[in-house]
Amino acid sequence: MTPEDVARQTKQIVITVGAAFGKTDRFRARGESLGLSHWPFYFGARAGVLGEVDAEVVTAACGFFSPDLVRDAWDTARAMVPLTSLVAADVAECTHWARTTYGDLPELDQLADLAEHAVEAAESTARPLFAAWRSLAVADDDPASRVALALLRLREHRGASHLIAIHEHGLTPLRAVLAGPGADKARANGWSGPWPSVPATDAVALAGAEQRTDELAAAPYAALTSVEREHYVRLLGQVHDAYGRGQCPEQA
């Protein structure tokens, strides 16, 4: 199994499971308990690892959101809650969700070792959120928590890799959104029309960028042997299955 095989086979797991804790009612309630609505809590918790930076930095790091949305949310979060507290809340929700969703799976310690090895081997250039999350020390040795934080970091690595890839292919974040998910997703991310024209070549460029993203996201897995990669994919599949059972308990 090659690093590229791992990136392709685990893409949706990293994207979906790596952020699933942030879509729960518990996460929303945690933000509300701090006096924050969805977007201020989201950006404060996710990007708080960058420290007391201007909203322009957060916009650049997160990439696919309207600058106005980011500024309003970021400035609100900073004014109401210390960023360190928001990051701590994000970590607490991430690890709690992992323990309750897949904490009873076997071999989680092995999966954590493999995922953390990939995280440590990953290139951080042009990936500020990934670098900041990787440098954050978290005193939690629970295997499920370690897996969850590794997936969060790998998701940030992939997200930044996608920003790099769309830039390489001549797209802006907004044009990439419009060429892919479309105007509804653009609105959800805070953009408003009138929209720039989307030439047919943008869809071709986006397809190339997706392939390039897979290549960039594969690089960390070169640090694992072929046998370790197969083991990693198998164990991560078990995590994804546990997540699916949690989403559809009546089918479990």
C-alpha atoms as a PDB file:
ATOM      1  CA  MET A   1       0.000   0.000   0.000  1.00  0.00           C
ATOM      2  CA  THR A   2       1.413   3.378  -1.034  1.00  0.00           C
ATOM      3  CA  PRO A   3       1.064   6.709   0.791  1.00  0.00           C
ATOM      4  CA  GLU A   4      -1.276   7.813  -2.010  1.00  0.00           C
ATOM      5  CA  ASP A   5      -3.466   4.750  -1.392  1.00  0.00           C
ATOM      6  CA  VAL A   6      -3.743   5.728   2.270  1.00  0.00           C
ATOM      7  CA  ALA A   7      -4.663   9.322   1.460  1.00  0.00           C
ATOM      8  CA  ARG A   8      -7.379   8.264  -0.972  1.00  0.00           C
ATOM      9  CA  GLN A   9      -8.839   5.524   1.216  1.00  0.00           C
ATOM     10  CA  THR A  10      -8.922   7.634   4.377  1.00  0.00           C
ATOM     11  CA  LYS A  11      -9.861  10.987   2.836  1.00  0.00           C
ATOM     12  CA  GLN A  12     -13.498  10.995   3.901  1.00  0.00           C
ATOM     13  CA  ILE A  13     -12.663   9.574   7.326  1.00  0.00           C
ATOM     14  CA  VAL A  14     -10.171  12.346   8.040  1.00  0.00           C
ATOM     15  CA  ILE A  15     -12.521  15.025   6.720  1.00  0.00           C
ATOM     16  CA  THR A  16     -15.682  13.742   8.402  1.00  0.00           C
ATOM     17  CA  VAL A  17     -14.578  12.071  11.621  1.00  0.00           C
ATOM     18  CA  GLY A  18     -11.838  14.628  12.224  1.00  0.00           C
ATOM     19  CA  ALA A  19     -14.454  17.366  12.628  1.00  0.00           C
ATOM     20  CA  ALA A  20     -17.538  15.421  13.765  1.00  0.00           C
ATOM     21  CA  PHE A  21     -17.311  16.586  17.375  1.00  0.00           C
ATOM     22  CA  GLY A  22     -17.910  20.160  16.216  1.00  0.00           C
ATOM     23  CA  LYS A  23     -21.310  19.270  14.772  1.00  0.00           C
ATOM     24  CA  THR A  24     -22.823  17.923  17.988  1.00  0.00           C
ATOM     25  CA  ASP A  25     -25.434  19.496  20.241  1.00  0.00           C
ATOM     26  CA  ARG A  26     -22.940  19.236  23.072  1.00  0.00           C
ATOM     27  CA  PHE A  27     -20.423  21.366  21.148  1.00  0.00           C
ATOM     28  CA  ARG A  28     -23.070  23.980  20.423  1.00  0.00           C
ATOM     29  CA  ALA A  29     -24.123  24.019  24.067  1.00  0.00           C
ATOM     30  CA  ARG A  30     -20.494  24.428  25.152  1.00  0.00           C
ATOM     31  CA  GLY A  31     -20.228  27.541  23.029  1.00  0.00           C
ATOM     32  CA  GLU A  32     -23.502  28.913  24.348  1.00  0.00           C
ATOM     33  CA  SER A  33     -22.323  28.340  27.922  1.00  0.00           C
ATOM     34  CA  LEU A  34     -19.449  30.686  27.102  1.00  0.00           C
ATOM     35  CA  GLY A  35     -21.838  33.255  25.645  1.00  0.00           C
ATOM     36  CA  LEU A  36     -20.863  32.527  22.041  1.00  0.00           C
ATOM     37  CA  SER A  37     -23.007  31.674  19.037  1.00  0.00           C
ATOM     38  CA  HIS A  38     -21.914  29.193  16.396  1.00  0.00           C
ATOM     39  CA  TRP A  39     -19.365  31.109  14.333  1.00  0.00           C
ATOM     40  CA  PRO A  40     -17.557  32.947  17.147  1.00  0.00           C
ATOM     41  CA  PHE A  41     -17.147  29.653  19.002  1.00  0.00           C
ATOM     42  CA  TYR A  42     -16.112  27.829  15.832  1.00  0.00           C
ATOM     43  CA  PHE A  43     -13.383  30.260  14.850  1.00  0.00           C
ATOM     44  CA  GLY A  44     -12.254  30.992  18.383  1.00  0.00           C
ATOM     45  CA  ALA A  45     -11.946  27.291  19.191  1.00  0.00           C
ATOM     46  CA  ARG A  46     -10.417  26.230  15.886  1.00  0.00           C
ATOM     47  CA  ALA A  47      -8.073  29.144  15.247  1.00  0.00           C
ATOM     48  CA  GLY A  48      -7.372  30.169  18.824  1.00  0.00           C
ATOM     49  CA  VAL A  49      -4.138  28.177  18.603  1.00  0.00           C
ATOM     50  CA  LEU A  50      -2.805  30.973  16.368  1.00  0.00           C
ATOM     51  CA  GLY A  51      -2.905  33.384  19.291  1.00  0.00           C
ATOM     52  CA  GLU A  52      -3.881  37.057  19.327  1.00  0.00           C
ATOM     53  CA  VAL A  53      -3.631  37.632  15.598  1.00  0.00           C
ATOM     54  CA  ASP A  54      -5.737  39.851  13.375  1.00  0.00           C
ATOM     55  CA  ALA A  55      -8.779  38.346  11.678  1.00  0.00           C
ATOM     56  CA  GLU A  56      -6.997  38.616   8.329  1.00  0.00           C
ATOM     57  CA  VAL A  57      -4.597  35.929   9.505  1.00  0.00           C
ATOM     58  CA  VAL A  58      -7.476  33.650  10.484  1.00  0.00           C
ATOM     59  CA  THR A  59      -9.144  34.242   7.123  1.00  0.00           C
ATOM     60  CA  ALA A  60      -5.940  33.304   5.332  1.00  0.00           C
ATOM     61  CA  ALA A  61      -5.452  30.174   7.443  1.00  0.00           C
ATOM     62  CA  CYS A  62      -9.038  28.902   7.227  1.00  0.00           C
ATOM     63  CA  GLY A  63      -9.313  29.860   3.581  1.00  0.00           C
ATOM     64  CA  PHE A  64     -12.833  29.105   2.452  1.00  0.00           C
ATOM     65  CA  PHE A  65     -14.819  31.624   4.503  1.00  0.00           C
ATOM     66  CA  SER A  66     -15.857  35.189   3.815  1.00  0.00           C
ATOM     67  CA  PRO A  67     -13.441  37.713   5.376  1.00  0.00           C
ATOM     68  CA  ASP A  68     -16.403  39.632   6.827  1.00  0.00           C
ATOM     69  CA  LEU A  69     -17.797  36.511   8.507  1.00  0.00           C
ATOM     70  CA  VAL A  70     -14.398  35.644   9.955  1.00  0.00           C
ATOM     71  CA  ARG A  71     -13.724  39.149  11.249  1.00  0.00           C
ATOM     72  CA  ASP A  72     -17.104  39.475  12.972  1.00  0.00           C
ATOM     73  CA  ALA A  73     -16.818  36.017  14.545  1.00  0.00           C
ATOM     74  CA  TRP A  74     -13.143  36.266  15.500  1.00  0.00           C
ATOM     75  CA  ASP A  75     -13.394  39.719  17.031  1.00  0.00           C
ATOM     76  CA  THR A  76     -16.478  38.665  18.993  1.00  0.00           C
ATOM     77  CA  ALA A  77     -14.768  35.560  20.338  1.00  0.00           C
ATOM     78  CA  ARG A  78     -11.607  37.440  21.341  1.00  0.00           C
ATOM     79  CA  ALA A  79     -13.623  40.128  23.118  1.00  0.00           C
ATOM     80  CA  MET A  80     -15.634  37.673  25.204  1.00  0.00           C
ATOM     81  CA  VAL A  81     -13.448  34.668  26.072  1.00  0.00           C
ATOM     82  CA  PRO A  82      -9.666  34.137  26.340  1.00  0.00           C
ATOM     83  CA  LEU A  83      -8.458  32.225  23.302  1.00  0.00           C
ATOM     84  CA  THR A  84      -6.660  29.714  25.503  1.00  0.00           C
ATOM     85  CA  SER A  85     -10.001  28.870  27.125  1.00  0.00           C
ATOM     86  CA  LEU A  86     -11.624  28.382  23.727  1.00  0.00           C
ATOM     87  CA  VAL A  87      -8.850  26.064  22.574  1.00  0.00           C
ATOM     88  CA  ALA A  88      -9.122  24.110  25.825  1.00  0.00           C
ATOM     89  CA  ALA A  89     -12.875  23.777  25.255  1.00  0.00           C
ATOM     90  CA  ASP A  90     -12.260  22.537  21.702  1.00  0.00           C
ATOM     91  CA  VAL A  91      -9.804  19.910  22.933  1.00  0.00           C
ATOM     92  CA  ALA A  92     -12.178  18.825  25.702  1.00  0.00           C
ATOM     93  CA  GLU A  93     -15.091  18.407  23.296  1.00  0.00           C
ATOM     94  CA  CYS A  94     -12.940  16.634  20.721  1.00  0.00           C
ATOM     95  CA  THR A  95     -11.573  14.098  23.178  1.00  0.00           C
ATOM     96  CA  HIS A  96     -14.887  13.564  24.987  1.00  0.00           C
ATOM     97  CA  TRP A  97     -16.589  12.798  21.678  1.00  0.00           C
ATOM     98  CA  ALA A  98     -13.867  10.340  20.735  1.00  0.00           C
ATOM     99  CA  ARG A  99     -13.989   8.470  24.035  1.00  0.00           C
ATOM    100  CA  THR A 100     -17.768   8.119  23.912  1.00  0.00           C
ATOM    101  CA  THR A 101     -17.930   7.280  20.183  1.00  0.00           C
ATOM    102  CA  TYR A 102     -15.103   4.799  19.687  1.00  0.00           C
ATOM    103  CA  GLY A 103     -13.244   4.601  22.988  1.00  0.00           C
ATOM    104  CA  ASP A 104     -14.007   0.903  23.434  1.00  0.00           C
ATOM    105  CA  LEU A 105     -12.425  -0.218  20.152  1.00  0.00           C
ATOM    106  CA  PRO A 106      -9.451  -2.580  20.315  1.00  0.00           C
ATOM    107  CA  GLU A 107      -5.953  -1.549  19.212  1.00  0.00           C
ATOM    108  CA  LEU A 108      -6.600   2.175  19.604  1.00  0.00           C
ATOM    109  CA  ASP A 109      -3.180   2.622  21.143  1.00  0.00           C
ATOM    110  CA  GLN A 110      -1.614   1.181  17.973  1.00  0.00           C
ATOM    111  CA  LEU A 111      -3.734   3.450  15.791  1.00  0.00           C
ATOM    112  CA  ALA A 112      -2.734   6.433  17.917  1.00  0.00           C
ATOM    113  CA  ASP A 113       0.964   5.568  17.517  1.00  0.00           C
ATOM    114  CA  LEU A 114       0.640   5.315  13.722  1.00  0.00           C
ATOM    115  CA  ALA A 115      -1.440   8.477  13.359  1.00  0.00           C
ATOM    116  CA  GLU A 116       0.887  10.473  15.581  1.00  0.00           C
ATOM    117  CA  HIS A 117       3.886   9.222  13.605  1.00  0.00           C
ATOM    118  CA  ALA A 118       2.269  10.544  10.427  1.00  0.00           C
ATOM    119  CA  VAL A 119       1.483  13.864  12.112  1.00  0.00           C
ATOM    120  CA  GLU A 120       5.073  14.299  13.258  1.00  0.00           C
ATOM    121  CA  ALA A 121       6.383  13.498   9.773  1.00  0.00           C
ATOM    122  CA  ALA A 122       4.065  15.971   8.020  1.00  0.00           C
ATOM    123  CA  GLU A 123       5.390  19.112   6.344  1.00  0.00           C
ATOM    124  CA  SER A 124       4.114  22.274   8.027  1.00  0.00           C
ATOM    125  CA  THR A 125       5.213  24.839   5.424  1.00  0.00           C
ATOM    126  CA  ALA A 126       2.234  27.036   4.362  1.00  0.00           C
ATOM    127  CA  ARG A 127       0.043  25.223   6.905  1.00  0.00           C
ATOM    128  CA  PRO A 128      -0.176  27.563   9.928  1.00  0.00           C
ATOM    129  CA  LEU A 129      -3.209  25.968  11.568  1.00  0.00           C
ATOM    130  CA  PHE A 130      -1.708  22.508  11.277  1.00  0.00           C
ATOM    131  CA  ALA A 131       1.605  23.742  12.692  1.00  0.00           C
ATOM    132  CA  ALA A 132      -0.116  25.498  15.586  1.00  0.00           C
ATOM    133  CA  TRP A 133      -2.245  22.481  16.467  1.00  0.00           C
ATOM    134  CA  ARG A 134       0.727  20.137  16.210  1.00  0.00           C
ATOM    135  CA  SER A 135       2.738  22.302  18.598  1.00  0.00           C
ATOM    136  CA  LEU A 136      -0.075  22.389  21.163  1.00  0.00           C
ATOM    137  CA  ALA A 137       0.796  20.179  24.119  1.00  0.00           C
ATOM    138  CA  VAL A 138      -2.162  18.152  25.394  1.00  0.00           C
ATOM    139  CA  ALA A 139      -1.795  16.093  28.566  1.00  0.00           C
ATOM    140  CA  ASP A 140      -4.178  13.270  27.681  1.00  0.00           C
ATOM    141  CA  ASP A 141      -2.810   9.755  27.246  1.00  0.00           C
ATOM    142  CA  ASP A 142      -6.170   8.118  26.558  1.00  0.00           C
ATOM    143  CA  PRO A 143      -5.810   6.269  23.218  1.00  0.00           C
ATOM    144  CA  ALA A 144      -9.131   7.522  21.812  1.00  0.00           C
ATOM    145  CA  SER A 145      -8.189  11.091  22.686  1.00  0.00           C
ATOM    146  CA  ARG A 146      -4.815  10.688  20.997  1.00  0.00           C
ATOM    147  CA  VAL A 147      -6.478   9.341  17.847  1.00  0.00           C
ATOM    148  CA  ALA A 148      -8.996  12.197  17.828  1.00  0.00           C
ATOM    149  CA  LEU A 149      -6.345  14.878  18.136  1.00  0.00           C
ATOM    150  CA  ALA A 150      -4.217  13.224  15.460  1.00  0.00           C
ATOM    151  CA  LEU A 151      -7.223  13.203  13.120  1.00  0.00           C
ATOM    152  CA  LEU A 152      -7.928  16.862  13.899  1.00  0.00           C
ATOM    153  CA  ARG A 153      -4.333  17.687  12.997  1.00  0.00           C
ATOM    154  CA  LEU A 154      -4.349  15.569   9.843  1.00  0.00           C
ATOM    155  CA  ARG A 155      -7.574  17.281   8.807  1.00  0.00           C
ATOM    156  CA  GLU A 156      -5.923  20.681   9.206  1.00  0.00           C
ATOM    157  CA  HIS A 157      -2.977  19.384   7.191  1.00  0.00           C
ATOM    158  CA  ARG A 158      -5.285  18.248   4.402  1.00  0.00           C
ATOM    159  CA  GLY A 159      -7.308  21.469   4.488  1.00  0.00           C
ATOM    160  CA  ALA A 160      -4.187  23.583   4.123  1.00  0.00           C
ATOM    161  CA  SER A 161      -2.947  21.246   1.390  1.00  0.00           C
ATOM    162  CA  HIS A 162      -6.177  21.930  -0.490  1.00  0.00           C
ATOM    163  CA  LEU A 163      -5.609  25.678  -0.212  1.00  0.00           C
ATOM    164  CA  ILE A 164      -2.099  25.189  -1.596  1.00  0.00           C
ATOM    165  CA  ALA A 165      -3.465  23.038  -4.421  1.00  0.00           C
ATOM    166  CA  ILE A 166      -6.219  25.428  -5.531  1.00  0.00           C
ATOM    167  CA  HIS A 167      -3.691  28.268  -5.563  1.00  0.00           C
ATOM    168  CA  GLU A 168      -1.379  26.157  -7.723  1.00  0.00           C
ATOM    169  CA  HIS A 169      -4.260  25.618 -10.135  1.00  0.00           C
ATOM    170  CA  GLY A 170      -5.100  29.311 -10.432  1.00  0.00           C
ATOM    171  CA  LEU A 171      -8.237  29.372  -8.289  1.00  0.00           C
ATOM    172  CA  THR A 172      -9.294  31.541  -5.368  1.00  0.00           C
ATOM    173  CA  PRO A 173     -11.104  29.953  -2.405  1.00  0.00           C
ATOM    174  CA  LEU A 174     -14.420  31.493  -3.486  1.00  0.00           C
ATOM    175  CA  ARG A 175     -14.044  30.312  -7.079  1.00  0.00           C
ATOM    176  CA  ALA A 176     -13.181  26.831  -5.817  1.00  0.00           C
ATOM    177  CA  VAL A 177     -16.338  26.763  -3.696  1.00  0.00           C
ATOM    178  CA  LEU A 178     -18.496  27.993  -6.576  1.00  0.00           C
ATOM    179  CA  ALA A 179     -16.955  25.489  -8.999  1.00  0.00           C
ATOM    180  CA  GLY A 180     -17.504  22.660  -6.520  1.00  0.00           C
ATOM    181  CA  PRO A 181     -20.251  22.708  -3.871  1.00  0.00           C
ATOM    182  CA  GLY A 182     -21.768  25.851  -5.404  1.00  0.00           C
ATOM    183  CA  ALA A 183     -23.490  29.032  -4.305  1.00  0.00           C
ATOM    184  CA  ASP A 184     -25.375  27.474  -1.364  1.00  0.00           C
ATOM    185  CA  LYS A 185     -22.074  26.462   0.218  1.00  0.00           C
ATOM    186  CA  ALA A 186     -20.639  29.892  -0.513  1.00  0.00           C
ATOM    187  CA  ARG A 187     -23.571  31.503   1.305  1.00  0.00           C
ATOM    188  CA  ALA A 188     -23.166  29.089   4.218  1.00  0.00           C
ATOM    189  CA  ASN A 189     -19.534  30.201   4.479  1.00  0.00           C
ATOM    190  CA  GLY A 190     -20.547  33.841   4.683  1.00  0.00           C
ATOM    191  CA  TRP A 191     -20.121  34.983   1.084  1.00  0.00           C
ATOM    192  CA  SER A 192     -22.796  36.978  -0.707  1.00  0.00           C
ATOM    193  CA  GLY A 193     -23.521  37.646  -4.350  1.00  0.00           C
ATOM    194  CA  PRO A 194     -23.410  38.791  -6.981  1.00  0.00           C
ATOM    195  CA  TRP A 195     -21.106  35.884  -7.773  1.00  0.00           C
ATOM    196  CA  PRO A 196     -18.165  36.083 -10.135  1.00  0.00           C
ATOM    197  CA  SER A 197     -18.608  34.148 -13.358  1.00  0.00           C
ATOM    198  CA  VAL A 198     -17.416  30.555 -13.133  1.00  0.00           C
ATOM    199  CA  PRO A 199     -15.864  29.467 -16.437  1.00  0.00           C
ATOM    200  CA  ALA A 200     -15.941  25.799 -17.375  1.00  0.00           C
ATOM    201  CA  THR A 201     -12.196  25.709 -16.933  1.00  0.00           C
ATOM    202  CA  ASP A 202     -12.651  26.241 -13.182  1.00  0.00           C
ATOM    203  CA  ALA A 203     -14.229  22.797 -12.810  1.00  0.00           C
ATOM    204  CA  VAL A 204     -11.255  21.281 -14.612  1.00  0.00           C
ATOM    205  CA  ALA A 205      -8.854  23.231 -12.401  1.00  0.00           C
ATOM    206  CA  LEU A 206     -10.723  22.113  -9.289  1.00  0.00           C
ATOM    207  CA  ALA A 207     -10.472  18.467 -10.330  1.00  0.00           C
ATOM    208  CA  GLY A 208      -6.736  18.927 -10.770  1.00  0.00           C
ATOM    209  CA  ALA A 209      -6.525  20.608  -7.383  1.00  0.00           C
ATOM    210  CA  GLU A 210      -8.353  17.705  -5.725  1.00  0.00           C
ATOM    211  CA  GLN A 211      -5.828  15.278  -7.196  1.00  0.00           C
ATOM    212  CA  ARG A 212      -2.964  17.502  -6.081  1.00  0.00           C
ATOM    213  CA  THR A 213      -4.478  17.688  -2.595  1.00  0.00           C
ATOM    214  CA  ASP A 214      -4.425  13.893  -2.390  1.00  0.00           C
ATOM    215  CA  GLU A 215      -0.750  13.937  -3.344  1.00  0.00           C
ATOM    216  CA  LEU A 216       0.124  16.518  -0.696  1.00  0.00           C
ATOM    217  CA  ALA A 217      -1.991  14.797   1.946  1.00  0.00           C
ATOM    218  CA  ALA A 218      -0.254  11.492   1.201  1.00  0.00           C
ATOM    219  CA  ALA A 219       3.221  12.730   2.096  1.00  0.00           C
ATOM    220  CA  PRO A 220       2.987  12.135   5.881  1.00  0.00           C
ATOM    221  CA  TYR A 221       2.232   8.449   5.304  1.00  0.00           C
ATOM    222  CA  ALA A 222       5.596   7.920   3.654  1.00  0.00           C
ATOM    223  CA  ALA A 223       6.911   7.739   7.221  1.00  0.00           C
ATOM    224  CA  LEU A 224       4.998   4.477   7.708  1.00  0.00           C
ATOM    225  CA  THR A 225       5.950   1.129   6.239  1.00  0.00           C
ATOM    226  CA  SER A 226       3.587  -0.553   3.803  1.00  0.00           C
ATOM    227  CA  VAL A 227       2.468  -2.964   6.523  1.00  0.00           C
ATOM    228  CA  GLU A 228       1.892  -0.079   8.935  1.00  0.00           C
ATOM    229  CA  ARG A 229      -0.152   1.747   6.299  1.00  0.00           C
ATOM    230  CA  GLU A 230      -2.412  -1.268   5.811  1.00  0.00           C
ATOM    231  CA  HIS A 231      -2.821  -1.565   9.576  1.00  0.00           C
ATOM    232  CA  TYR A 232      -3.572   2.149   9.852  1.00  0.00           C
ATOM    233  CA  VAL A 233      -6.252   2.029   7.152  1.00  0.00           C
ATOM    234  CA  ARG A 234      -7.885  -1.022   8.722  1.00  0.00           C
ATOM    235  CA  LEU A 235      -7.975   0.472  12.210  1.00  0.00           C
ATOM    236  CA  LEU A 236      -9.183   3.826  10.962  1.00  0.00           C
ATOM    237  CA  GLY A 237     -11.960   1.997   9.156  1.00  0.00           C
ATOM    238  CA  GLN A 238     -13.093   0.614  12.511  1.00  0.00           C
ATOM    239  CA  VAL A 239     -13.234   4.162  13.876  1.00  0.00           C
ATOM    240  CA  HIS A 240     -15.342   5.211  10.907  1.00  0.00           C
ATOM    241  CA  ASP A 241     -17.677   2.245  11.428  1.00  0.00           C
ATOM    242  CA  ALA A 242     -18.127   3.216  15.093  1.00  0.00           C
ATOM    243  CA  TYR A 243     -18.911   6.767  13.996  1.00  0.00           C
ATOM    244  CA  GLY A 244     -21.503   5.433  11.554  1.00  0.00           C
ATOM    245  CA  ARG A 245     -23.149   3.353  14.252  1.00  0.00           C
ATOM    246  CA  GLY A 246     -23.356   6.440  16.430  1.00  0.00           C
ATOM    247  CA  GLN A 247     -25.004   8.377  13.606  1.00  0.00           C
ATOM    248  CA  CYS A 248     -27.524   5.597  12.927  1.00  0.00           C
ATOM    249  CA  PRO A 249     -27.909   3.711  16.229  1.00  0.00           C
ATOM    250  CA  GLU A 250     -31.071   1.930  15.076  1.00  0.00           C
ATOM    251  CA  GLN A 251     -28.960   0.135  12.490  1.00  0.00           C
ATOM    252  CA  ALA A 252     -26.225  -0.883  14.900  1.00  0.00           C
END
